[in-house]
Amino acid sequence: MISLALTGSIGMGKSTVAAMFAEAGIPVFDADATVRTLQRDGGKVVAAIERRFPGTTANGAVDRAKLAAAALGDRAELAALEAIVHPAVHHERTRFIVDHADSPALLFDIPLLFETGGAAAFDKVIVVSAPAAIQRERVLAREGMTNDKFEAILARQTPDADKRARADFVIDTSGSLAATRAQVDAILACLGLATGV
């Protein structure tokens, strides 16, 4: 089994690329989606987050805005949050691997792959990239996004140029969807995973 890590800064088109791999038959583990599941009503980390960050949950679910306000501005608080969330995500990832043990490859969509030092755990790293102007336009078009929020997110992420330099494959998403899909197909072919889908 080939383990593939997919990463890229905010607004680079990572979700679109992950969907293309899924359409090609590669099972995809989405770390962000897993965190959202763990934090929704009945989620496995809700109680622990409420104990550590009182007032950040409501109706059995994490209030993501309140949690961000409580944890994201302070390294110690962020570390405390990660100590709750990361083991739970790791457990779900292990279950995903077991559930797909017969697959020739698995793709792990991990936004903060380099920032968390996780790249060495994978056979190949794929970075999704686009020019900074396109990235900015995409991100600022998101509901509730401001320039200040965008800059704060960028400040926590490894620069795009560094990610591209450390990648085994780079997918440029600045062109058409067809052009992006062609790059995905080329990677699958290179890895011997071409499906003809």
C-alpha atoms as a PDB file:
ATOM      1  CA  MET A   1       0.000   0.000   0.000  1.00  0.00           C
ATOM      2  CA  ILE A   2       1.258   3.476  -0.911  1.00  0.00           C
ATOM      3  CA  SER A   3       0.535   6.199   1.626  1.00  0.00           C
ATOM      4  CA  LEU A   4       0.094   9.633   0.075  1.00  0.00           C
ATOM      5  CA  ALA A   5      -0.072  12.905   1.973  1.00  0.00           C
ATOM      6  CA  LEU A   6      -1.909  15.797   0.339  1.00  0.00           C
ATOM      7  CA  THR A   7      -1.253  19.261   1.669  1.00  0.00           C
ATOM      8  CA  GLY A   8      -1.274  22.905   0.673  1.00  0.00           C
ATOM      9  CA  SER A   9      -1.955  26.317   2.112  1.00  0.00           C
ATOM     10  CA  ILE A  10      -5.439  27.751   2.474  1.00  0.00           C
ATOM     11  CA  GLY A  11      -7.190  28.522  -0.804  1.00  0.00           C
ATOM     12  CA  MET A  12      -4.923  26.395  -2.973  1.00  0.00           C
ATOM     13  CA  GLY A  13      -7.621  23.937  -4.080  1.00  0.00           C
ATOM     14  CA  LYS A  14      -6.743  20.996  -1.874  1.00  0.00           C
ATOM     15  CA  SER A  15     -10.356  19.867  -1.379  1.00  0.00           C
ATOM     16  CA  THR A  16     -10.924  19.864  -5.138  1.00  0.00           C
ATOM     17  CA  VAL A  17      -7.814  17.761  -5.706  1.00  0.00           C
ATOM     18  CA  ALA A  18      -8.719  15.348  -2.892  1.00  0.00           C
ATOM     19  CA  ALA A  19     -12.105  14.821  -4.536  1.00  0.00           C
ATOM     20  CA  MET A  20     -10.364  13.976  -7.818  1.00  0.00           C
ATOM     21  CA  PHE A  21      -8.293  11.284  -6.116  1.00  0.00           C
ATOM     22  CA  ALA A  22     -11.444   9.905  -4.493  1.00  0.00           C
ATOM     23  CA  GLU A  23     -13.191   9.827  -7.881  1.00  0.00           C
ATOM     24  CA  ALA A  24     -10.224   7.818  -9.180  1.00  0.00           C
ATOM     25  CA  GLY A  25     -10.850   5.201  -6.497  1.00  0.00           C
ATOM     26  CA  ILE A  26      -8.251   6.243  -3.912  1.00  0.00           C
ATOM     27  CA  PRO A  27      -9.738   6.295  -0.389  1.00  0.00           C
ATOM     28  CA  VAL A  28      -9.262   9.731   1.196  1.00  0.00           C
ATOM     29  CA  PHE A  29      -8.857  10.541   4.888  1.00  0.00           C
ATOM     30  CA  ASP A  30      -9.749  14.196   5.481  1.00  0.00           C
ATOM     31  CA  ALA A  31      -8.175  15.401   8.729  1.00  0.00           C
ATOM     32  CA  ASP A  32     -10.237  18.609   8.873  1.00  0.00           C
ATOM     33  CA  ALA A  33     -13.506  16.771   8.263  1.00  0.00           C
ATOM     34  CA  THR A  34     -12.559  14.298  10.980  1.00  0.00           C
ATOM     35  CA  VAL A  35     -11.967  17.143  13.445  1.00  0.00           C
ATOM     36  CA  ARG A  36     -15.366  18.621  12.581  1.00  0.00           C
ATOM     37  CA  THR A  37     -17.003  15.222  13.186  1.00  0.00           C
ATOM     38  CA  LEU A  38     -15.223  14.856  16.529  1.00  0.00           C
ATOM     39  CA  GLN A  39     -16.434  18.327  17.563  1.00  0.00           C
ATOM     40  CA  ARG A  40     -20.069  18.148  16.442  1.00  0.00           C
ATOM     41  CA  ASP A  41     -23.038  17.162  18.595  1.00  0.00           C
ATOM     42  CA  GLY A  42     -22.119  13.890  20.285  1.00  0.00           C
ATOM     43  CA  GLY A  43     -18.521  14.084  19.077  1.00  0.00           C
ATOM     44  CA  LYS A  44     -15.817  12.264  20.991  1.00  0.00           C
ATOM     45  CA  VAL A  45     -13.837  15.354  22.073  1.00  0.00           C
ATOM     46  CA  VAL A  46     -16.676  17.725  23.001  1.00  0.00           C
ATOM     47  CA  ALA A  47     -16.680  16.945  26.723  1.00  0.00           C
ATOM     48  CA  ALA A  48     -12.893  17.168  27.033  1.00  0.00           C
ATOM     49  CA  ILE A  49     -12.845  20.501  25.193  1.00  0.00           C
ATOM     50  CA  GLU A  50     -15.563  21.900  27.461  1.00  0.00           C
ATOM     51  CA  ARG A  51     -13.613  20.809  30.547  1.00  0.00           C
ATOM     52  CA  ARG A  52     -10.406  22.487  29.309  1.00  0.00           C
ATOM     53  CA  PHE A  53     -12.061  25.477  27.600  1.00  0.00           C
ATOM     54  CA  PRO A  54     -15.259  26.217  29.553  1.00  0.00           C
ATOM     55  CA  GLY A  55     -17.972  27.972  27.582  1.00  0.00           C
ATOM     56  CA  THR A  56     -16.739  26.887  24.142  1.00  0.00           C
ATOM     57  CA  THR A  57     -19.477  24.312  23.547  1.00  0.00           C
ATOM     58  CA  ALA A  58     -23.241  24.601  23.158  1.00  0.00           C
ATOM     59  CA  ASN A  59     -25.993  22.041  22.575  1.00  0.00           C
ATOM     60  CA  GLY A  60     -23.500  19.189  22.779  1.00  0.00           C
ATOM     61  CA  ALA A  61     -21.166  20.548  20.103  1.00  0.00           C
ATOM     62  CA  VAL A  62     -18.084  22.746  19.952  1.00  0.00           C
ATOM     63  CA  ASP A  63     -18.723  26.379  19.050  1.00  0.00           C
ATOM     64  CA  ARG A  64     -15.786  26.716  16.663  1.00  0.00           C
ATOM     65  CA  ALA A  65     -15.716  30.523  16.798  1.00  0.00           C
ATOM     66  CA  LYS A  66     -15.578  30.547  20.603  1.00  0.00           C
ATOM     67  CA  LEU A  67     -12.948  27.809  20.643  1.00  0.00           C
ATOM     68  CA  ALA A  68     -10.833  29.705  18.124  1.00  0.00           C
ATOM     69  CA  ALA A  69     -11.068  32.832  20.260  1.00  0.00           C
ATOM     70  CA  ALA A  70     -10.030  30.851  23.337  1.00  0.00           C
ATOM     71  CA  ALA A  71      -7.148  28.886  21.854  1.00  0.00           C
ATOM     72  CA  LEU A  72      -5.705  30.227  18.637  1.00  0.00           C
ATOM     73  CA  GLY A  73      -3.993  33.348  19.952  1.00  0.00           C
ATOM     74  CA  ASP A  74      -1.933  31.598  22.619  1.00  0.00           C
ATOM     75  CA  ARG A  75       0.656  28.872  22.002  1.00  0.00           C
ATOM     76  CA  ALA A  76       0.055  27.154  25.344  1.00  0.00           C
ATOM     77  CA  GLU A  77      -3.710  27.103  24.842  1.00  0.00           C
ATOM     78  CA  LEU A  78      -3.318  25.833  21.284  1.00  0.00           C
ATOM     79  CA  ALA A  79      -1.025  23.066  22.544  1.00  0.00           C
ATOM     80  CA  ALA A  80      -3.640  22.119  25.124  1.00  0.00           C
ATOM     81  CA  LEU A  81      -6.291  21.910  22.409  1.00  0.00           C
ATOM     82  CA  GLU A  82      -4.024  19.835  20.179  1.00  0.00           C
ATOM     83  CA  ALA A  83      -3.368  17.447  23.088  1.00  0.00           C
ATOM     84  CA  ILE A  84      -7.107  16.726  23.115  1.00  0.00           C
ATOM     85  CA  VAL A  85      -7.771  16.633  19.380  1.00  0.00           C
ATOM     86  CA  HIS A  86      -4.681  15.024  17.864  1.00  0.00           C
ATOM     87  CA  PRO A  87      -4.924  11.638  19.670  1.00  0.00           C
ATOM     88  CA  ALA A  88      -8.585  11.379  18.657  1.00  0.00           C
ATOM     89  CA  VAL A  89      -7.743  12.147  15.035  1.00  0.00           C
ATOM     90  CA  HIS A  90      -4.918   9.590  15.146  1.00  0.00           C
ATOM     91  CA  HIS A  91      -7.374   6.962  16.394  1.00  0.00           C
ATOM     92  CA  GLU A  92      -9.772   7.719  13.523  1.00  0.00           C
ATOM     93  CA  ARG A  93      -6.893   7.612  11.027  1.00  0.00           C
ATOM     94  CA  THR A  94      -5.821   4.197  12.299  1.00  0.00           C
ATOM     95  CA  ARG A  95      -9.388   2.939  11.909  1.00  0.00           C
ATOM     96  CA  PHE A  96      -9.477   4.322   8.354  1.00  0.00           C
ATOM     97  CA  ILE A  97      -6.259   2.439   7.480  1.00  0.00           C
ATOM     98  CA  VAL A  98      -7.631  -0.823   8.878  1.00  0.00           C
ATOM     99  CA  ASP A  99     -10.939  -0.340   7.034  1.00  0.00           C
ATOM    100  CA  HIS A 100      -9.072   0.120   3.712  1.00  0.00           C
ATOM    101  CA  ALA A 101      -6.299  -2.421   4.221  1.00  0.00           C
ATOM    102  CA  ASP A 102      -6.874  -3.937   0.775  1.00  0.00           C
ATOM    103  CA  SER A 103      -6.491  -0.665  -1.121  1.00  0.00           C
ATOM    104  CA  PRO A 104      -3.338  -0.171  -3.234  1.00  0.00           C
ATOM    105  CA  ALA A 105      -3.060   3.419  -1.960  1.00  0.00           C
ATOM    106  CA  LEU A 106      -4.531   5.776   0.619  1.00  0.00           C
ATOM    107  CA  LEU A 107      -4.569   9.571   0.468  1.00  0.00           C
ATOM    108  CA  PHE A 108      -4.374  11.616   3.654  1.00  0.00           C
ATOM    109  CA  ASP A 109      -5.592  15.213   3.303  1.00  0.00           C
ATOM    110  CA  ILE A 110      -3.582  17.028   5.990  1.00  0.00           C
ATOM    111  CA  PRO A 111      -3.552  20.849   5.827  1.00  0.00           C
ATOM    112  CA  LEU A 112      -0.762  21.297   8.409  1.00  0.00           C
ATOM    113  CA  LEU A 113       1.413  18.360   7.339  1.00  0.00           C
ATOM    114  CA  PHE A 114       4.740  20.194   7.407  1.00  0.00           C
ATOM    115  CA  GLU A 115       3.806  22.395  10.354  1.00  0.00           C
ATOM    116  CA  THR A 116       3.207  19.316  12.521  1.00  0.00           C
ATOM    117  CA  GLY A 117       6.282  17.450  11.283  1.00  0.00           C
ATOM    118  CA  GLY A 118       4.222  14.648   9.782  1.00  0.00           C
ATOM    119  CA  ALA A 119       5.662  14.375   6.275  1.00  0.00           C
ATOM    120  CA  ALA A 120       8.129  11.570   7.077  1.00  0.00           C
ATOM    121  CA  ALA A 121       5.253   9.183   7.857  1.00  0.00           C
ATOM    122  CA  PHE A 122       4.184   9.038   4.191  1.00  0.00           C
ATOM    123  CA  ASP A 123       5.620   7.445   1.057  1.00  0.00           C
ATOM    124  CA  LYS A 124       4.918  10.485  -1.115  1.00  0.00           C
ATOM    125  CA  VAL A 125       3.896  14.082  -0.429  1.00  0.00           C
ATOM    126  CA  ILE A 126       1.690  15.979  -2.868  1.00  0.00           C
ATOM    127  CA  VAL A 127       1.468  19.755  -2.537  1.00  0.00           C
ATOM    128  CA  VAL A 128      -1.381  21.728  -4.090  1.00  0.00           C
ATOM    129  CA  SER A 129      -0.302  25.212  -5.127  1.00  0.00           C
ATOM    130  CA  ALA A 130      -1.391  28.320  -6.985  1.00  0.00           C
ATOM    131  CA  PRO A 131       0.011  31.845  -7.396  1.00  0.00           C
ATOM    132  CA  ALA A 132      -0.412  34.094  -4.345  1.00  0.00           C
ATOM    133  CA  ALA A 133      -2.818  36.450  -6.125  1.00  0.00           C
ATOM    134  CA  ILE A 134      -5.175  33.581  -7.010  1.00  0.00           C
ATOM    135  CA  GLN A 135      -4.926  32.197  -3.491  1.00  0.00           C
ATOM    136  CA  ARG A 136      -5.813  35.579  -1.973  1.00  0.00           C
ATOM    137  CA  GLU A 137      -8.776  36.036  -4.327  1.00  0.00           C
ATOM    138  CA  ARG A 138     -10.155  32.584  -3.494  1.00  0.00           C
ATOM    139  CA  VAL A 139      -9.784  32.961   0.256  1.00  0.00           C
ATOM    140  CA  LEU A 140     -11.184  36.486   0.516  1.00  0.00           C
ATOM    141  CA  ALA A 141     -14.266  35.336  -1.433  1.00  0.00           C
ATOM    142  CA  ARG A 142     -15.142  32.979   1.444  1.00  0.00           C
ATOM    143  CA  GLU A 143     -17.976  34.013   3.716  1.00  0.00           C
ATOM    144  CA  GLY A 144     -16.742  35.650   6.911  1.00  0.00           C
ATOM    145  CA  MET A 145     -13.137  35.902   5.727  1.00  0.00           C
ATOM    146  CA  THR A 146     -11.238  39.138   6.213  1.00  0.00           C
ATOM    147  CA  ASN A 147      -7.782  40.221   5.181  1.00  0.00           C
ATOM    148  CA  ASP A 148      -6.654  40.123   8.825  1.00  0.00           C
ATOM    149  CA  LYS A 149      -7.949  36.563   9.279  1.00  0.00           C
ATOM    150  CA  PHE A 150      -6.264  35.484   6.068  1.00  0.00           C
ATOM    151  CA  GLU A 151      -2.926  36.990   7.112  1.00  0.00           C
ATOM    152  CA  ALA A 152      -3.187  35.326  10.538  1.00  0.00           C
ATOM    153  CA  ILE A 153      -3.786  31.932   8.894  1.00  0.00           C
ATOM    154  CA  LEU A 154      -0.862  32.428   6.512  1.00  0.00           C
ATOM    155  CA  ALA A 155       1.392  33.339   9.437  1.00  0.00           C
ATOM    156  CA  ARG A 156       0.749  29.898  10.989  1.00  0.00           C
ATOM    157  CA  GLN A 157       1.387  27.989   7.759  1.00  0.00           C
ATOM    158  CA  THR A 158       4.660  26.978   6.145  1.00  0.00           C
ATOM    159  CA  PRO A 159       5.220  29.250   3.112  1.00  0.00           C
ATOM    160  CA  ASP A 160       3.991  27.836  -0.183  1.00  0.00           C
ATOM    161  CA  ALA A 161       7.478  27.961  -1.734  1.00  0.00           C
ATOM    162  CA  ASP A 162       8.846  25.821   1.112  1.00  0.00           C
ATOM    163  CA  LYS A 163       6.036  23.296   0.708  1.00  0.00           C
ATOM    164  CA  ARG A 164       6.660  23.025  -3.027  1.00  0.00           C
ATOM    165  CA  ALA A 165      10.393  22.513  -2.419  1.00  0.00           C
ATOM    166  CA  ARG A 166       9.681  19.620  -0.039  1.00  0.00           C
ATOM    167  CA  ALA A 167       7.049  17.900  -2.199  1.00  0.00           C
ATOM    168  CA  ASP A 168       7.403  14.759  -4.268  1.00  0.00           C
ATOM    169  CA  PHE A 169       4.676  16.103  -6.567  1.00  0.00           C
ATOM    170  CA  VAL A 170       3.223  19.599  -7.023  1.00  0.00           C
ATOM    171  CA  ILE A 171      -0.232  20.166  -8.487  1.00  0.00           C
ATOM    172  CA  ASP A 172      -0.775  23.657  -9.909  1.00  0.00           C
ATOM    173  CA  THR A 173      -4.461  24.556  -9.545  1.00  0.00           C
ATOM    174  CA  SER A 174      -4.289  27.942 -11.254  1.00  0.00           C
ATOM    175  CA  GLY A 175      -5.667  26.570 -14.532  1.00  0.00           C
ATOM    176  CA  SER A 176      -8.845  24.752 -15.460  1.00  0.00           C
ATOM    177  CA  LEU A 177     -10.321  21.795 -13.604  1.00  0.00           C
ATOM    178  CA  ALA A 178      -9.383  19.657 -16.595  1.00  0.00           C
ATOM    179  CA  ALA A 179      -5.761  20.758 -16.276  1.00  0.00           C
ATOM    180  CA  THR A 180      -5.795  19.937 -12.568  1.00  0.00           C
ATOM    181  CA  ARG A 181      -7.340  16.534 -13.223  1.00  0.00           C
ATOM    182  CA  ALA A 182      -4.662  15.797 -15.835  1.00  0.00           C
ATOM    183  CA  GLN A 183      -1.999  16.411 -13.174  1.00  0.00           C
ATOM    184  CA  VAL A 184      -3.788  14.063 -10.771  1.00  0.00           C
ATOM    185  CA  ASP A 185      -3.990  11.404 -13.489  1.00  0.00           C
ATOM    186  CA  ALA A 186      -0.279  11.833 -14.232  1.00  0.00           C
ATOM    187  CA  ILE A 187       0.606  11.262 -10.570  1.00  0.00           C
ATOM    188  CA  LEU A 188      -1.599   8.160 -10.412  1.00  0.00           C
ATOM    189  CA  ALA A 189       0.073   6.831 -13.563  1.00  0.00           C
ATOM    190  CA  CYS A 190       3.556   7.586 -12.190  1.00  0.00           C
ATOM    191  CA  LEU A 191       2.728   5.602  -9.042  1.00  0.00           C
ATOM    192  CA  GLY A 192       1.219   2.719 -10.985  1.00  0.00           C
ATOM    193  CA  LEU A 193      -2.254   3.562  -9.708  1.00  0.00           C
ATOM    194  CA  ALA A 194      -3.921   4.614 -12.968  1.00  0.00           C
ATOM    195  CA  THR A 195      -7.537   3.450 -12.880  1.00  0.00           C
ATOM    196  CA  GLY A 196      -8.876   4.583 -16.222  1.00  0.00           C
ATOM    197  CA  VAL A 197     -11.621   6.483 -14.402  1.00  0.00           C
END
